[in-house]
Amino acid sequence: VSQVTIATPKGLTSGEITNTDPNIYNHCIRIIKKISGEQPRVATDSRCQEARRIVMNAEFMREVMNPLTDGIALDPVKRKSAYRTIPTCILRSPMPVVQAFLRALFEGDGSICARSSVVKYTSLSRKLVKQVHLLMLNLGVPCTVRSYTYKATNGSASQTPVRAYNIMVGGLEGLTKFKSLVGFESARKNAQVDSHLDYLNRATYRDWE
């Protein structure tokens, strides 16, 4: 549901994972190789010199990704951002699996607002955000959901109003629990959380003085 784009050249569906963090894209390569037994093709991205595109072939998408995603991976409608949901196998999984899923989800489409010390996850899918919100609350991570409208160009000159949804985790308690129960996959983003926690701890200490 995150950081994967689908292409259909000549009627065959392939998938790509694009990332600029060597630790993340090498981690993805190891997982794909472990599952499929084959080394995925890795290409550079013309838009960013540091980025790498990991290409999952049609067989991997059909035999692995499609069953794992309840058929979304190969569905031309459901795989669009606004229709994505959490796979059933994740919703029925034990807590460590759910935590790993959320960690990867926030790594892909999550961010940290520098001014407000808030971790955010953004999606066009209302159902997906509601599911993530419920999973976070079940883990004990306090968070809120907000919606907003922005204009998306979608690669064209015309601007279309689009409704998007945010999950927001903030405050000393929220970030502390997020770090311990979910966190990010990359050391870079986790270091940013630590920096904001340090700031919030110091601010709280000043308030008590």
Protein backbone atom coordinates (compact mmCIF):
# COMPACT_ATOMS: atom_id res chain seq x y z
CA VAL A 1 0.00 0.00 0.00
CA SER A 2 2.96 2.33 0.20
CA GLN A 3 5.82 3.29 -2.09
CA VAL A 4 4.85 0.79 -4.78
CA THR A 5 3.91 1.85 -8.29
CA ILE A 6 2.31 -0.45 -10.84
CA ALA A 7 3.13 -0.54 -14.53
CA THR A 8 1.46 -2.60 -17.27
CA PRO A 9 3.76 -2.75 -20.30
CA LYS A 10 2.45 -5.04 -23.04
CA GLY A 11 -0.32 -6.31 -20.77
CA LEU A 12 2.08 -7.62 -18.10
CA THR A 13 1.87 -6.09 -14.65
CA SER A 14 5.12 -5.25 -12.87
CA GLY A 15 5.75 -3.30 -9.69
CA GLU A 16 8.42 -0.85 -8.62
CA ILE A 17 9.62 0.31 -5.22
CA THR A 18 11.52 3.61 -5.29
CA ASN A 19 13.57 4.94 -2.39
CA THR A 20 16.61 7.12 -1.79
CA ASP A 21 17.77 5.49 1.46
CA PRO A 22 20.34 2.70 0.82
CA ASN A 23 19.34 0.89 4.02
CA ILE A 24 15.69 0.82 2.95
CA TYR A 25 16.06 -0.24 -0.68
CA ASN A 26 18.69 -2.85 0.22
CA HIS A 27 16.30 -4.18 2.89
CA CYS A 28 13.55 -4.45 0.23
CA ILE A 29 15.92 -6.25 -2.13
CA ARG A 30 16.79 -8.82 0.53
CA ILE A 31 13.12 -9.48 1.31
CA ILE A 32 12.13 -9.90 -2.35
CA LYS A 33 15.11 -12.20 -2.96
CA LYS A 34 14.25 -14.27 0.12
CA ILE A 35 10.63 -14.70 -1.00
CA SER A 36 11.18 -15.25 -4.71
CA GLY A 37 14.65 -16.82 -4.69
CA GLU A 38 15.71 -14.35 -7.37
CA GLN A 39 17.56 -11.06 -7.33
CA PRO A 40 15.18 -8.25 -8.41
CA ARG A 41 16.28 -5.83 -11.09
CA VAL A 42 17.54 -2.53 -9.69
CA ALA A 43 17.66 0.64 -11.79
CA THR A 44 18.54 4.27 -11.20
CA ASP A 45 15.89 6.98 -11.31
CA SER A 46 16.37 9.84 -13.75
CA ARG A 47 14.53 12.23 -11.40
CA CYS A 48 16.93 11.71 -8.48
CA GLN A 49 20.53 10.49 -8.61
CA GLU A 50 20.37 8.89 -5.15
CA ALA A 51 17.12 7.00 -5.79
CA ARG A 52 16.94 3.33 -6.81
CA ARG A 53 14.01 1.58 -8.48
CA ILE A 54 13.50 -2.05 -7.47
CA VAL A 55 11.52 -3.79 -10.19
CA MET A 56 9.26 -6.72 -9.27
CA ASN A 57 8.41 -8.80 -12.34
CA ALA A 58 4.95 -9.91 -13.43
CA GLU A 59 5.31 -13.39 -11.90
CA PHE A 60 6.22 -11.97 -8.47
CA MET A 61 3.28 -9.55 -8.63
CA ARG A 62 0.89 -12.34 -9.61
CA GLU A 63 2.10 -15.09 -7.27
CA VAL A 64 3.14 -13.07 -4.20
CA MET A 65 1.89 -9.50 -4.12
CA ASN A 66 -1.62 -10.09 -5.46
CA PRO A 67 -2.63 -12.72 -2.85
CA LEU A 68 -1.03 -10.70 -0.04
CA THR A 69 -2.98 -7.57 -1.02
CA ASP A 70 -6.41 -9.24 -1.43
CA GLY A 71 -6.18 -8.86 -5.20
CA ILE A 72 -5.50 -5.11 -5.09
CA ALA A 73 -2.09 -5.35 -6.76
CA LEU A 74 -3.53 -6.47 -10.09
CA ASP A 75 -6.88 -4.65 -9.92
CA PRO A 76 -6.76 -1.51 -12.13
CA VAL A 77 -9.31 0.28 -9.92
CA LYS A 78 -8.60 -0.92 -6.38
CA ARG A 79 -4.86 -0.32 -6.65
CA LYS A 80 -5.43 3.42 -7.09
CA SER A 81 -4.46 5.45 -4.02
CA ALA A 82 -8.01 6.39 -3.02
CA TYR A 83 -9.17 2.74 -2.90
CA ARG A 84 -6.33 1.10 -1.03
CA THR A 85 -6.95 -0.79 2.21
CA ILE A 86 -4.95 -2.82 4.68
CA PRO A 87 -4.73 -6.46 3.56
CA THR A 88 -6.85 -8.97 5.49
CA CYS A 89 -3.78 -11.03 6.39
CA ILE A 90 -2.36 -8.01 8.26
CA LEU A 91 -5.60 -7.28 10.10
CA ARG A 92 -5.65 -10.89 11.33
CA SER A 93 -1.97 -10.99 12.26
CA PRO A 94 -0.41 -10.91 15.75
CA MET A 95 0.86 -7.62 17.14
CA PRO A 96 4.52 -7.90 15.99
CA VAL A 97 3.38 -8.31 12.37
CA VAL A 98 1.00 -5.35 12.66
CA GLN A 99 3.79 -3.24 14.15
CA ALA A 100 6.14 -4.18 11.29
CA PHE A 101 3.44 -3.29 8.76
CA LEU A 102 2.77 0.11 10.36
CA ARG A 103 6.49 0.81 10.57
CA ALA A 104 6.89 0.20 6.84
CA LEU A 105 3.74 2.20 6.09
CA PHE A 106 4.99 5.26 7.98
CA GLU A 107 8.43 4.86 6.41
CA GLY A 108 6.89 5.04 2.96
CA ASP A 109 4.26 7.76 3.30
CA GLY A 110 4.94 9.18 6.75
CA SER A 111 6.70 12.42 7.60
CA ILE A 112 7.73 14.54 10.58
CA CYS A 113 6.61 18.16 10.72
CA ALA A 114 9.62 20.14 11.90
CA ARG A 115 7.63 23.10 13.26
CA SER A 116 4.98 21.20 15.22
CA SER A 117 6.88 18.00 16.17
CA VAL A 118 4.07 15.91 14.70
CA VAL A 119 4.42 12.58 12.88
CA LYS A 120 1.96 12.39 9.99
CA TYR A 121 0.77 9.68 7.64
CA THR A 122 -1.14 10.84 4.55
CA SER A 123 -3.38 8.91 2.16
CA LEU A 124 -6.18 9.54 -0.30
CA SER A 125 -7.97 6.45 1.01
CA ARG A 126 -10.40 7.26 3.83
CA LYS A 127 -10.86 3.58 4.64
CA LEU A 128 -7.12 2.94 4.82
CA VAL A 129 -6.60 5.86 7.20
CA LYS A 130 -9.49 4.70 9.41
CA GLN A 131 -7.95 1.21 9.55
CA VAL A 132 -4.50 2.58 10.42
CA HIS A 133 -6.06 4.84 13.04
CA LEU A 134 -7.76 1.85 14.69
CA LEU A 135 -4.58 -0.24 14.66
CA MET A 136 -2.60 2.61 16.21
CA LEU A 137 -5.16 3.08 18.98
CA ASN A 138 -5.21 -0.67 19.64
CA LEU A 139 -1.44 -0.53 20.11
CA GLY A 140 -1.83 2.34 22.56
CA VAL A 141 -0.52 5.16 20.33
CA PRO A 142 -2.70 8.29 20.72
CA CYS A 143 -3.42 9.87 17.36
CA THR A 144 -6.02 11.91 15.50
CA VAL A 145 -7.42 11.94 11.96
CA ARG A 146 -7.92 15.07 9.88
CA SER A 147 -9.03 15.61 6.32
CA TYR A 148 -8.17 18.41 3.93
CA THR A 149 -8.54 19.33 0.27
CA TYR A 150 -5.69 20.18 -2.05
CA LYS A 151 -5.27 20.62 -5.78
CA ALA A 152 -3.45 17.80 -7.53
CA THR A 153 -2.09 18.20 -11.04
CA ASN A 154 -1.54 14.44 -11.61
CA GLY A 155 1.03 15.31 -14.21
CA SER A 156 -1.28 17.61 -16.18
CA ALA A 157 -1.80 21.34 -16.41
CA SER A 158 -5.29 21.15 -14.88
CA GLN A 159 -5.68 21.20 -11.10
CA THR A 160 -8.29 18.92 -9.58
CA PRO A 161 -9.44 19.29 -5.95
CA VAL A 162 -8.63 16.07 -4.06
CA ARG A 163 -9.64 15.02 -0.54
CA ALA A 164 -6.78 13.58 1.53
CA TYR A 165 -6.56 12.28 5.09
CA ASN A 166 -3.89 12.63 7.76
CA ILE A 167 -3.13 10.56 10.83
CA MET A 168 -1.31 12.81 13.28
CA VAL A 169 0.77 11.78 16.30
CA GLY A 170 2.06 14.58 18.48
CA GLY A 171 2.98 15.60 21.97
CA LEU A 172 5.49 14.03 24.33
CA GLU A 173 3.31 11.02 25.18
CA GLY A 174 2.26 10.43 21.58
CA LEU A 175 5.76 10.54 20.10
CA THR A 176 7.19 8.44 22.94
CA LYS A 177 4.66 5.69 22.34
CA PHE A 178 5.01 5.97 18.56
CA LYS A 179 8.77 5.49 18.84
CA SER A 180 8.53 2.48 21.17
CA LEU A 181 5.57 0.73 19.50
CA VAL A 182 5.84 1.63 15.80
CA GLY A 183 8.69 3.91 14.77
CA PHE A 184 10.26 4.19 11.34
CA GLU A 185 12.33 1.67 9.43
CA SER A 186 15.15 4.08 8.66
CA ALA A 187 17.69 5.34 11.17
CA ARG A 188 17.42 8.83 9.65
CA LYS A 189 13.72 9.27 10.46
CA ASN A 190 14.06 7.65 13.88
CA ALA A 191 16.83 10.13 14.67
CA GLN A 192 14.43 12.94 13.78
CA VAL A 193 11.88 11.54 16.23
CA ASP A 194 14.58 11.41 18.92
CA SER A 195 15.45 15.05 18.21
CA HIS A 196 11.82 16.14 18.61
CA LEU A 197 11.43 14.08 21.79
CA ASP A 198 14.52 15.76 23.21
CA TYR A 199 13.01 19.16 22.40
CA LEU A 200 9.64 18.25 23.96
CA ASN A 201 11.32 16.87 27.08
CA ARG A 202 13.30 20.06 27.53
CA ALA A 203 10.19 22.18 26.92
CA THR A 204 8.24 20.18 29.51
CA TYR A 205 11.06 20.56 32.04
CA ARG A 206 11.10 24.35 31.51
CA ASP A 207 7.33 24.47 32.09
CA TRP A 208 7.77 22.80 35.49
CA GLU A 209 10.53 25.15 36.62
